[in-house]
Amino acid sequence: MTFSIVARSADGRLHGVAVASKFLAAGALVPAAEAEVGAIASQAHVNLAYRPQGLALLRTGVAAADVVAGLVAADPGRDDRQLGVVGPAGDGATWTGPRCHPWAGGQAGDGWAAQGNILAGPHVIDAVRDAWLDGEELPFPRRLLTALHAGDRAGGDRRGRQSAGLLVVERRGGYAGTGDTLVDLRVDDHRDPVTELGRLLDTHTMLFGKPDPATLRELTGTLADEVVTLLAAVGHPVGPAGPDDALASWAGVENLEERLVPGRIDPIVLDHLRRIAPHVPAARVGD
């Protein structure tokens, strides 16, 4: 009742799963991933035990194809299951039980596996595959979402749309470097869940994405003067310590603290500050 892609980044640092389905909260059931270990999608008649068991096997160095073989061999319900696995190296692997509702099937290659059941046809998985392979220049979470969106546009689940999810892990890639969950977003019940998932990823990237060092601007001169004025307008006046403390105070309220760099300002932070300040100067002296 679902289509998904499990994948690994080219450098092996990120693993993730993107899933969509005409099923409530598929993102809560299908995906599992562990940083530098692998990712798993368990679907059709989901066997939730596949997720911890599969990750445990990957953790010990078992190849993806052997993880799939081991999980399904030990499962009397395997004929109704669908499974995708990718490990820290090598090809992904996929399984489609013979009793999965048509169309059902999957494909796999170096660092990825795509699978689905009750689909509009095999072209759905073709579209997921092609978008994944063509998306090498995209950030990894965006690449997964683009592949999912391609499958959705190709017809996706032939019963319709309801939910979608995106899970990406990276060692110390989570909030403030305190965890490994880089992205964990779900749309549980929506008319257009994959598009809504894209909106959530945009918001997530704005709030929690790491600033691009090449675009950071020095907080000096006229730009610093403008930021001081804007911070005062939003209720965070700058004290003797300079703009960094007031900027950090305001950014914490706006959930932008992950984009702060002392002595400089991320253009995304600056644009947001300019947008919400109630009295933006007519001429931005910092430009």
C-alpha atoms as a PDB file:
ATOM      1  CA  MET A   1       0.000   0.000   0.000  1.00  0.00           C
ATOM      2  CA  THR A   2       3.089   2.125  -0.250  1.00  0.00           C
ATOM      3  CA  PHE A   3       6.134   3.203  -2.238  1.00  0.00           C
ATOM      4  CA  SER A   4       9.474   4.152  -0.778  1.00  0.00           C
ATOM      5  CA  ILE A   5      13.170   4.653  -1.362  1.00  0.00           C
ATOM      6  CA  VAL A   6      15.982   3.804   1.033  1.00  0.00           C
ATOM      7  CA  ALA A   7      19.361   5.302   0.214  1.00  0.00           C
ATOM      8  CA  ARG A   8      22.879   6.229   1.265  1.00  0.00           C
ATOM      9  CA  SER A   9      24.814   9.372   0.379  1.00  0.00           C
ATOM     10  CA  ALA A  10      27.823   9.036  -1.919  1.00  0.00           C
ATOM     11  CA  ASP A  11      30.238   9.605   0.977  1.00  0.00           C
ATOM     12  CA  GLY A  12      28.415   7.114   3.211  1.00  0.00           C
ATOM     13  CA  ARG A  13      27.755   9.683   5.940  1.00  0.00           C
ATOM     14  CA  LEU A  14      23.977   9.926   5.499  1.00  0.00           C
ATOM     15  CA  HIS A  15      21.266   7.278   5.289  1.00  0.00           C
ATOM     16  CA  GLY A  16      17.588   7.856   4.802  1.00  0.00           C
ATOM     17  CA  VAL A  17      14.105   6.737   3.808  1.00  0.00           C
ATOM     18  CA  ALA A  18      11.327   8.558   1.973  1.00  0.00           C
ATOM     19  CA  VAL A  19       7.871   6.994   1.864  1.00  0.00           C
ATOM     20  CA  ALA A  20       4.355   7.810   0.628  1.00  0.00           C
ATOM     21  CA  SER A  21       1.126   5.851   0.916  1.00  0.00           C
ATOM     22  CA  LYS A  22      -2.661   5.779   0.947  1.00  0.00           C
ATOM     23  CA  PHE A  23      -2.360   4.768   4.580  1.00  0.00           C
ATOM     24  CA  LEU A  24      -2.558   6.778   7.786  1.00  0.00           C
ATOM     25  CA  ALA A  25       0.861   7.857   9.128  1.00  0.00           C
ATOM     26  CA  ALA A  26       3.003   5.576   6.969  1.00  0.00           C
ATOM     27  CA  GLY A  27       6.027   7.553   8.155  1.00  0.00           C
ATOM     28  CA  ALA A  28       5.470   6.185  11.657  1.00  0.00           C
ATOM     29  CA  LEU A  29       5.644   2.551  10.534  1.00  0.00           C
ATOM     30  CA  VAL A  30       7.781   2.139   7.438  1.00  0.00           C
ATOM     31  CA  PRO A  31      11.206   3.790   7.943  1.00  0.00           C
ATOM     32  CA  ALA A  32      14.133   3.065  10.206  1.00  0.00           C
ATOM     33  CA  ALA A  33      17.731   4.248   9.957  1.00  0.00           C
ATOM     34  CA  GLU A  34      20.930   4.387  11.979  1.00  0.00           C
ATOM     35  CA  ALA A  35      23.840   6.705  11.269  1.00  0.00           C
ATOM     36  CA  GLU A  36      26.699   5.054   9.370  1.00  0.00           C
ATOM     37  CA  VAL A  37      24.851   1.718   9.600  1.00  0.00           C
ATOM     38  CA  GLY A  38      21.973   1.766   7.123  1.00  0.00           C
ATOM     39  CA  ALA A  39      18.308   2.324   6.409  1.00  0.00           C
ATOM     40  CA  ILE A  40      15.277   0.056   6.137  1.00  0.00           C
ATOM     41  CA  ALA A  41      11.744   0.348   4.783  1.00  0.00           C
ATOM     42  CA  SER A  42       9.248  -2.305   5.921  1.00  0.00           C
ATOM     43  CA  GLN A  43       5.907  -2.099   4.130  1.00  0.00           C
ATOM     44  CA  ALA A  44       2.892  -3.908   2.597  1.00  0.00           C
ATOM     45  CA  HIS A  45       1.816  -6.020   5.615  1.00  0.00           C
ATOM     46  CA  VAL A  46       4.427  -4.293   7.758  1.00  0.00           C
ATOM     47  CA  ASN A  47       6.579  -6.387  10.048  1.00  0.00           C
ATOM     48  CA  LEU A  48       7.841  -3.843  12.565  1.00  0.00           C
ATOM     49  CA  ALA A  49      10.419  -6.322  13.840  1.00  0.00           C
ATOM     50  CA  TYR A  50      12.261  -6.036  10.519  1.00  0.00           C
ATOM     51  CA  ARG A  51      13.455  -2.573  11.534  1.00  0.00           C
ATOM     52  CA  PRO A  52      15.460  -3.328  14.728  1.00  0.00           C
ATOM     53  CA  GLN A  53      16.459  -6.779  13.509  1.00  0.00           C
ATOM     54  CA  GLY A  54      17.655  -5.462  10.152  1.00  0.00           C
ATOM     55  CA  LEU A  55      19.655  -2.633  11.709  1.00  0.00           C
ATOM     56  CA  ALA A  56      21.235  -5.081  14.137  1.00  0.00           C
ATOM     57  CA  LEU A  57      22.386  -7.253  11.234  1.00  0.00           C
ATOM     58  CA  LEU A  58      23.728  -4.250   9.325  1.00  0.00           C
ATOM     59  CA  ARG A  59      25.577  -3.134  12.447  1.00  0.00           C
ATOM     60  CA  THR A  60      27.519  -6.419  12.444  1.00  0.00           C
ATOM     61  CA  GLY A  61      28.582  -6.009   8.812  1.00  0.00           C
ATOM     62  CA  VAL A  62      25.975  -8.159   7.071  1.00  0.00           C
ATOM     63  CA  ALA A  63      25.403  -6.989   3.479  1.00  0.00           C
ATOM     64  CA  ALA A  64      22.016  -5.572   2.506  1.00  0.00           C
ATOM     65  CA  ALA A  65      21.079  -8.540   0.312  1.00  0.00           C
ATOM     66  CA  ASP A  66      21.891 -10.954   3.123  1.00  0.00           C
ATOM     67  CA  VAL A  67      19.895  -8.852   5.600  1.00  0.00           C
ATOM     68  CA  VAL A  68      16.870  -9.128   3.325  1.00  0.00           C
ATOM     69  CA  ALA A  69      17.408 -12.862   2.842  1.00  0.00           C
ATOM     70  CA  GLY A  70      17.750 -13.457   6.564  1.00  0.00           C
ATOM     71  CA  LEU A  71      14.724 -11.418   7.574  1.00  0.00           C
ATOM     72  CA  VAL A  72      12.329 -12.947   5.072  1.00  0.00           C
ATOM     73  CA  ALA A  73      13.616 -16.510   5.591  1.00  0.00           C
ATOM     74  CA  ALA A  74      12.737 -16.296   9.280  1.00  0.00           C
ATOM     75  CA  ASP A  75       9.292 -14.752   8.698  1.00  0.00           C
ATOM     76  CA  PRO A  76       6.297 -17.021   7.971  1.00  0.00           C
ATOM     77  CA  GLY A  77       4.411 -13.946   6.729  1.00  0.00           C
ATOM     78  CA  ARG A  78       7.064 -13.025   4.169  1.00  0.00           C
ATOM     79  CA  ASP A  79       4.797 -13.594   1.156  1.00  0.00           C
ATOM     80  CA  ASP A  80       2.756 -10.549   2.198  1.00  0.00           C
ATOM     81  CA  ARG A  81       5.728  -8.332   3.034  1.00  0.00           C
ATOM     82  CA  GLN A  82       7.798  -5.785   1.183  1.00  0.00           C
ATOM     83  CA  LEU A  83      11.225  -4.658   2.303  1.00  0.00           C
ATOM     84  CA  GLY A  84      14.043  -2.356   1.203  1.00  0.00           C
ATOM     85  CA  VAL A  85      17.496  -2.231   2.798  1.00  0.00           C
ATOM     86  CA  VAL A  86      20.664  -0.225   2.239  1.00  0.00           C
ATOM     87  CA  GLY A  87      23.859  -0.588   4.255  1.00  0.00           C
ATOM     88  CA  PRO A  88      27.064   1.403   4.770  1.00  0.00           C
ATOM     89  CA  ALA A  89      28.492   0.166   1.459  1.00  0.00           C
ATOM     90  CA  GLY A  90      27.482  -1.714  -1.682  1.00  0.00           C
ATOM     91  CA  ASP A  91      24.171  -2.235  -3.417  1.00  0.00           C
ATOM     92  CA  GLY A  92      20.808  -1.887  -1.768  1.00  0.00           C
ATOM     93  CA  ALA A  93      18.401  -4.828  -1.748  1.00  0.00           C
ATOM     94  CA  THR A  94      14.651  -5.220  -1.992  1.00  0.00           C
ATOM     95  CA  TRP A  95      12.047  -7.956  -1.475  1.00  0.00           C
ATOM     96  CA  THR A  96       8.458  -8.186  -2.685  1.00  0.00           C
ATOM     97  CA  GLY A  97       6.403 -11.110  -1.448  1.00  0.00           C
ATOM     98  CA  PRO A  98       4.325 -12.942  -4.081  1.00  0.00           C
ATOM     99  CA  ARG A  99       1.060 -12.135  -2.299  1.00  0.00           C
ATOM    100  CA  CYS A 100       1.604  -8.348  -2.292  1.00  0.00           C
ATOM    101  CA  HIS A 101      -1.216  -6.592  -4.152  1.00  0.00           C
ATOM    102  CA  PRO A 102      -0.334  -5.559  -7.717  1.00  0.00           C
ATOM    103  CA  TRP A 103       1.366  -3.740  -9.075  1.00  0.00           C
ATOM    104  CA  ALA A 104       4.165  -4.608  -6.689  1.00  0.00           C
ATOM    105  CA  GLY A 105       7.915  -4.765  -7.135  1.00  0.00           C
ATOM    106  CA  GLY A 106      11.206  -3.007  -6.629  1.00  0.00           C
ATOM    107  CA  GLN A 107      14.622  -2.149  -7.981  1.00  0.00           C
ATOM    108  CA  ALA A 108      18.010  -1.624  -6.354  1.00  0.00           C
ATOM    109  CA  GLY A 109      21.457  -0.312  -7.178  1.00  0.00           C
ATOM    110  CA  ASP A 110      24.574   1.079  -5.580  1.00  0.00           C
ATOM    111  CA  GLY A 111      23.449   2.720  -2.339  1.00  0.00           C
ATOM    112  CA  TRP A 112      19.689   2.639  -2.963  1.00  0.00           C
ATOM    113  CA  ALA A 113      16.572   0.489  -3.212  1.00  0.00           C
ATOM    114  CA  ALA A 114      13.064   1.512  -4.311  1.00  0.00           C
ATOM    115  CA  GLN A 115       9.916  -0.569  -3.845  1.00  0.00           C
ATOM    116  CA  GLY A 116       6.174  -0.273  -3.857  1.00  0.00           C
ATOM    117  CA  ASN A 117       2.883  -2.156  -3.868  1.00  0.00           C
ATOM    118  CA  ILE A 118      -0.640  -1.344  -5.036  1.00  0.00           C
ATOM    119  CA  LEU A 119       1.013   1.070  -7.463  1.00  0.00           C
ATOM    120  CA  ALA A 120      -0.243   2.545 -10.714  1.00  0.00           C
ATOM    121  CA  GLY A 121       2.374   0.390 -12.447  1.00  0.00           C
ATOM    122  CA  PRO A 122       6.090  -0.400 -12.701  1.00  0.00           C
ATOM    123  CA  HIS A 123       6.698   3.064 -14.159  1.00  0.00           C
ATOM    124  CA  VAL A 124       6.275   4.476 -10.626  1.00  0.00           C
ATOM    125  CA  ILE A 125       9.447   2.744  -9.452  1.00  0.00           C
ATOM    126  CA  ASP A 126      11.152   3.678 -12.728  1.00  0.00           C
ATOM    127  CA  ALA A 127      10.379   7.319 -11.962  1.00  0.00           C
ATOM    128  CA  VAL A 128      11.690   7.049  -8.397  1.00  0.00           C
ATOM    129  CA  ARG A 129      14.880   5.412  -9.682  1.00  0.00           C
ATOM    130  CA  ASP A 130      15.480   7.950 -12.432  1.00  0.00           C
ATOM    131  CA  ALA A 131      14.932  10.936 -10.156  1.00  0.00           C
ATOM    132  CA  TRP A 132      17.286   9.479  -7.552  1.00  0.00           C
ATOM    133  CA  LEU A 133      20.024   8.788 -10.086  1.00  0.00           C
ATOM    134  CA  ASP A 134      19.619  12.222 -11.700  1.00  0.00           C
ATOM    135  CA  GLY A 135      19.713  14.070  -8.368  1.00  0.00           C
ATOM    136  CA  GLU A 136      23.385  13.736  -7.422  1.00  0.00           C
ATOM    137  CA  GLU A 137      23.849  17.495  -7.061  1.00  0.00           C
ATOM    138  CA  LEU A 138      20.962  17.898  -4.621  1.00  0.00           C
ATOM    139  CA  PRO A 139      21.333  17.912  -0.825  1.00  0.00           C
ATOM    140  CA  PHE A 140      20.650  14.368   0.361  1.00  0.00           C
ATOM    141  CA  PRO A 141      17.259  14.982   2.057  1.00  0.00           C
ATOM    142  CA  ARG A 142      16.091  16.971  -0.981  1.00  0.00           C
ATOM    143  CA  ARG A 143      17.279  14.202  -3.297  1.00  0.00           C
ATOM    144  CA  LEU A 144      15.176  11.637  -1.424  1.00  0.00           C
ATOM    145  CA  LEU A 145      12.143  13.904  -1.533  1.00  0.00           C
ATOM    146  CA  THR A 146      12.626  14.590  -5.244  1.00  0.00           C
ATOM    147  CA  ALA A 147      12.661  10.838  -5.929  1.00  0.00           C
ATOM    148  CA  LEU A 148       9.494  10.401  -3.870  1.00  0.00           C
ATOM    149  CA  HIS A 149       7.824  13.291  -5.677  1.00  0.00           C
ATOM    150  CA  ALA A 150       8.685  11.721  -9.045  1.00  0.00           C
ATOM    151  CA  GLY A 151       6.947   8.499  -8.031  1.00  0.00           C
ATOM    152  CA  ASP A 152       3.952  10.468  -6.816  1.00  0.00           C
ATOM    153  CA  ARG A 153       3.682  12.338 -10.120  1.00  0.00           C
ATOM    154  CA  ALA A 154       3.923   9.013 -11.981  1.00  0.00           C
ATOM    155  CA  GLY A 155       0.780   7.755 -10.245  1.00  0.00           C
ATOM    156  CA  GLY A 156       2.118   6.465  -6.929  1.00  0.00           C
ATOM    157  CA  ASP A 157      -0.287   4.411  -4.852  1.00  0.00           C
ATOM    158  CA  ARG A 158      -3.164   3.637  -7.225  1.00  0.00           C
ATOM    159  CA  ARG A 159      -5.710   4.085  -4.402  1.00  0.00           C
ATOM    160  CA  GLY A 160      -4.739   7.715  -3.860  1.00  0.00           C
ATOM    161  CA  ARG A 161      -2.741   9.791  -1.400  1.00  0.00           C
ATOM    162  CA  GLN A 162      -2.806  10.134   2.375  1.00  0.00           C
ATOM    163  CA  SER A 163       0.576  10.236   4.113  1.00  0.00           C
ATOM    164  CA  ALA A 164       4.311  10.685   3.555  1.00  0.00           C
ATOM    165  CA  GLY A 165       7.478  10.689   5.619  1.00  0.00           C
ATOM    166  CA  LEU A 166      11.171  11.521   5.414  1.00  0.00           C
ATOM    167  CA  LEU A 167      13.846  10.207   7.787  1.00  0.00           C
ATOM    168  CA  VAL A 168      17.544  11.080   7.412  1.00  0.00           C
ATOM    169  CA  VAL A 169      20.341  10.285   9.850  1.00  0.00           C
ATOM    170  CA  GLU A 170      23.927  11.477  10.085  1.00  0.00           C
ATOM    171  CA  ARG A 171      26.424  11.013  12.920  1.00  0.00           C
ATOM    172  CA  ARG A 172      26.041  14.104  15.159  1.00  0.00           C
ATOM    173  CA  GLY A 173      23.941  15.704  12.426  1.00  0.00           C
ATOM    174  CA  GLY A 174      20.946  16.349  14.670  1.00  0.00           C
ATOM    175  CA  TYR A 175      19.978  19.446  16.614  1.00  0.00           C
ATOM    176  CA  ALA A 176      23.073  21.210  18.010  1.00  0.00           C
ATOM    177  CA  GLY A 177      25.117  18.095  17.227  1.00  0.00           C
ATOM    178  CA  THR A 178      23.504  16.263  20.162  1.00  0.00           C
ATOM    179  CA  GLY A 179      21.973  13.425  18.139  1.00  0.00           C
ATOM    180  CA  ASP A 180      22.048  11.649  14.811  1.00  0.00           C
ATOM    181  CA  THR A 181      18.573  12.470  13.457  1.00  0.00           C
ATOM    182  CA  LEU A 182      19.109  15.099  10.799  1.00  0.00           C
ATOM    183  CA  VAL A 183      15.536  15.102   9.416  1.00  0.00           C
ATOM    184  CA  ASP A 184      12.437  13.354  10.761  1.00  0.00           C
ATOM    185  CA  LEU A 185       9.310  14.768   9.132  1.00  0.00           C
ATOM    186  CA  ARG A 186       5.871  13.254   8.654  1.00  0.00           C
ATOM    187  CA  VAL A 187       2.599  14.171   7.013  1.00  0.00           C
ATOM    188  CA  ASP A 188       0.123  11.754   8.535  1.00  0.00           C
ATOM    189  CA  ASP A 189      -3.167  12.614   6.784  1.00  0.00           C
ATOM    190  CA  HIS A 190      -3.294  15.085   3.896  1.00  0.00           C
ATOM    191  CA  ARG A 191      -4.771  15.383   0.403  1.00  0.00           C
ATOM    192  CA  ASP A 192      -1.342  16.071  -1.107  1.00  0.00           C
ATOM    193  CA  PRO A 193       1.129  14.663   1.425  1.00  0.00           C
ATOM    194  CA  VAL A 194       4.291  14.656  -0.702  1.00  0.00           C
ATOM    195  CA  THR A 195       3.904  18.346  -1.569  1.00  0.00           C
ATOM    196  CA  GLU A 196       3.191  19.122   2.079  1.00  0.00           C
ATOM    197  CA  LEU A 197       6.286  17.144   3.045  1.00  0.00           C
ATOM    198  CA  GLY A 198       8.267  19.410   0.715  1.00  0.00           C
ATOM    199  CA  ARG A 199       6.914  22.474   2.508  1.00  0.00           C
ATOM    200  CA  LEU A 200       7.958  21.005   5.837  1.00  0.00           C
ATOM    201  CA  LEU A 201      11.437  20.257   4.510  1.00  0.00           C
ATOM    202  CA  ASP A 202      11.739  23.860   3.296  1.00  0.00           C
ATOM    203  CA  THR A 203      10.850  25.083   6.779  1.00  0.00           C
ATOM    204  CA  HIS A 204      13.182  22.582   8.410  1.00  0.00           C
ATOM    205  CA  THR A 205      16.042  23.690   6.149  1.00  0.00           C
ATOM    206  CA  MET A 206      15.426  27.356   6.956  1.00  0.00           C
ATOM    207  CA  LEU A 207      15.386  26.761  10.700  1.00  0.00           C
ATOM    208  CA  PHE A 208      17.964  24.036  11.143  1.00  0.00           C
ATOM    209  CA  GLY A 209      20.149  24.086   8.047  1.00  0.00           C
ATOM    210  CA  LYS A 210      23.789  24.949   8.568  1.00  0.00           C
ATOM    211  CA  PRO A 211      24.824  28.386   7.257  1.00  0.00           C
ATOM    212  CA  ASP A 212      26.903  28.521   4.086  1.00  0.00           C
ATOM    213  CA  PRO A 213      30.266  30.088   5.047  1.00  0.00           C
ATOM    214  CA  ALA A 214      30.536  31.626   1.583  1.00  0.00           C
ATOM    215  CA  THR A 215      27.378  33.692   2.101  1.00  0.00           C
ATOM    216  CA  LEU A 216      27.931  34.887   5.686  1.00  0.00           C
ATOM    217  CA  ARG A 217      28.161  38.675   6.095  1.00  0.00           C
ATOM    218  CA  GLU A 218      30.383  40.472   8.587  1.00  0.00           C
ATOM    219  CA  LEU A 219      28.470  42.300  11.305  1.00  0.00           C
ATOM    220  CA  THR A 220      30.337  45.556  10.893  1.00  0.00           C
ATOM    221  CA  GLY A 221      29.709  49.083   9.619  1.00  0.00           C
ATOM    222  CA  THR A 222      26.350  49.953   8.159  1.00  0.00           C
ATOM    223  CA  LEU A 223      25.107  46.357   8.256  1.00  0.00           C
ATOM    224  CA  ALA A 224      25.757  46.187  11.989  1.00  0.00           C
ATOM    225  CA  ASP A 225      23.923  49.513  12.409  1.00  0.00           C
ATOM    226  CA  GLU A 226      20.929  48.140  10.537  1.00  0.00           C
ATOM    227  CA  VAL A 227      20.848  44.916  12.572  1.00  0.00           C
ATOM    228  CA  VAL A 228      21.003  46.937  15.815  1.00  0.00           C
ATOM    229  CA  THR A 229      18.004  48.991  14.640  1.00  0.00           C
ATOM    230  CA  LEU A 230      16.046  45.918  13.594  1.00  0.00           C
ATOM    231  CA  LEU A 231      16.751  44.074  16.832  1.00  0.00           C
ATOM    232  CA  ALA A 232      15.503  47.048  18.839  1.00  0.00           C
ATOM    233  CA  ALA A 233      12.347  47.110  16.706  1.00  0.00           C
ATOM    234  CA  VAL A 234      11.609  43.462  17.586  1.00  0.00           C
ATOM    235  CA  GLY A 235      12.226  43.995  21.296  1.00  0.00           C
ATOM    236  CA  HIS A 236      15.837  42.856  21.609  1.00  0.00           C
ATOM    237  CA  PRO A 237      17.894  46.015  22.099  1.00  0.00           C
ATOM    238  CA  VAL A 238      21.659  45.680  21.793  1.00  0.00           C
ATOM    239  CA  GLY A 239      23.640  46.181  24.980  1.00  0.00           C
ATOM    240  CA  PRO A 240      27.295  46.978  25.626  1.00  0.00           C
ATOM    241  CA  ALA A 241      28.365  43.455  24.550  1.00  0.00           C
ATOM    242  CA  GLY A 242      27.384  44.252  20.961  1.00  0.00           C
ATOM    243  CA  PRO A 243      24.868  42.703  18.551  1.00  0.00           C
ATOM    244  CA  ASP A 244      25.837  39.041  19.001  1.00  0.00           C
ATOM    245  CA  ASP A 245      24.071  38.639  22.368  1.00  0.00           C
ATOM    246  CA  ALA A 246      20.888  40.405  21.265  1.00  0.00           C
ATOM    247  CA  LEU A 247      20.904  38.518  17.972  1.00  0.00           C
ATOM    248  CA  ALA A 248      21.250  35.211  19.835  1.00  0.00           C
ATOM    249  CA  SER A 249      18.379  36.154  22.146  1.00  0.00           C
ATOM    250  CA  TRP A 250      16.100  37.015  19.235  1.00  0.00           C
ATOM    251  CA  ALA A 251      17.172  34.006  17.152  1.00  0.00           C
ATOM    252  CA  GLY A 252      16.371  31.689  20.045  1.00  0.00           C
ATOM    253  CA  VAL A 253      12.806  32.996  20.114  1.00  0.00           C
ATOM    254  CA  GLU A 254      12.532  32.540  16.331  1.00  0.00           C
ATOM    255  CA  ASN A 255      14.113  29.027  16.391  1.00  0.00           C
ATOM    256  CA  LEU A 256      16.998  30.175  14.192  1.00  0.00           C
ATOM    257  CA  GLU A 257      19.788  29.538  16.698  1.00  0.00           C
ATOM    258  CA  GLU A 258      21.353  26.813  14.528  1.00  0.00           C
ATOM    259  CA  ARG A 259      22.181  29.476  11.920  1.00  0.00           C
ATOM    260  CA  LEU A 260      24.138  31.793  14.219  1.00  0.00           C
ATOM    261  CA  VAL A 261      27.853  32.494  13.701  1.00  0.00           C
ATOM    262  CA  PRO A 262      29.551  34.983  16.091  1.00  0.00           C
ATOM    263  CA  GLY A 263      30.528  38.232  14.421  1.00  0.00           C
ATOM    264  CA  ARG A 264      28.663  37.412  11.220  1.00  0.00           C
ATOM    265  CA  ILE A 265      25.085  36.918  10.047  1.00  0.00           C
ATOM    266  CA  ASP A 266      23.508  34.354   7.761  1.00  0.00           C
ATOM    267  CA  PRO A 267      21.512  36.039   4.937  1.00  0.00           C
ATOM    268  CA  ILE A 268      18.572  33.762   5.803  1.00  0.00           C
ATOM    269  CA  VAL A 269      18.604  35.126   9.366  1.00  0.00           C
ATOM    270  CA  LEU A 270      18.977  38.696   8.102  1.00  0.00           C
ATOM    271  CA  ASP A 271      16.095  38.319   5.643  1.00  0.00           C
ATOM    272  CA  HIS A 272      13.842  36.919   8.364  1.00  0.00           C
ATOM    273  CA  LEU A 273      14.760  39.732  10.748  1.00  0.00           C
ATOM    274  CA  ARG A 274      14.021  42.310   8.072  1.00  0.00           C
ATOM    275  CA  ARG A 275      10.720  40.636   7.250  1.00  0.00           C
ATOM    276  CA  ILE A 276       9.306  40.571  10.773  1.00  0.00           C
ATOM    277  CA  ALA A 277      10.637  43.892  12.106  1.00  0.00           C
ATOM    278  CA  PRO A 278       7.647  46.235  12.536  1.00  0.00           C
ATOM    279  CA  HIS A 279       9.579  49.317  11.425  1.00  0.00           C
ATOM    280  CA  VAL A 280      11.966  48.304   8.640  1.00  0.00           C
ATOM    281  CA  PRO A 281      14.020  51.336   7.486  1.00  0.00           C
ATOM    282  CA  ALA A 282      12.983  52.671   4.114  1.00  0.00           C
ATOM    283  CA  ALA A 283      16.547  52.233   2.851  1.00  0.00           C
ATOM    284  CA  ARG A 284      18.557  49.264   4.045  1.00  0.00           C
ATOM    285  CA  VAL A 285      21.928  50.762   4.744  1.00  0.00           C
ATOM    286  CA  GLY A 286      23.421  47.310   5.107  1.00  0.00           C
ATOM    287  CA  ASP A 287      22.905  46.420   1.440  1.00  0.00           C
END
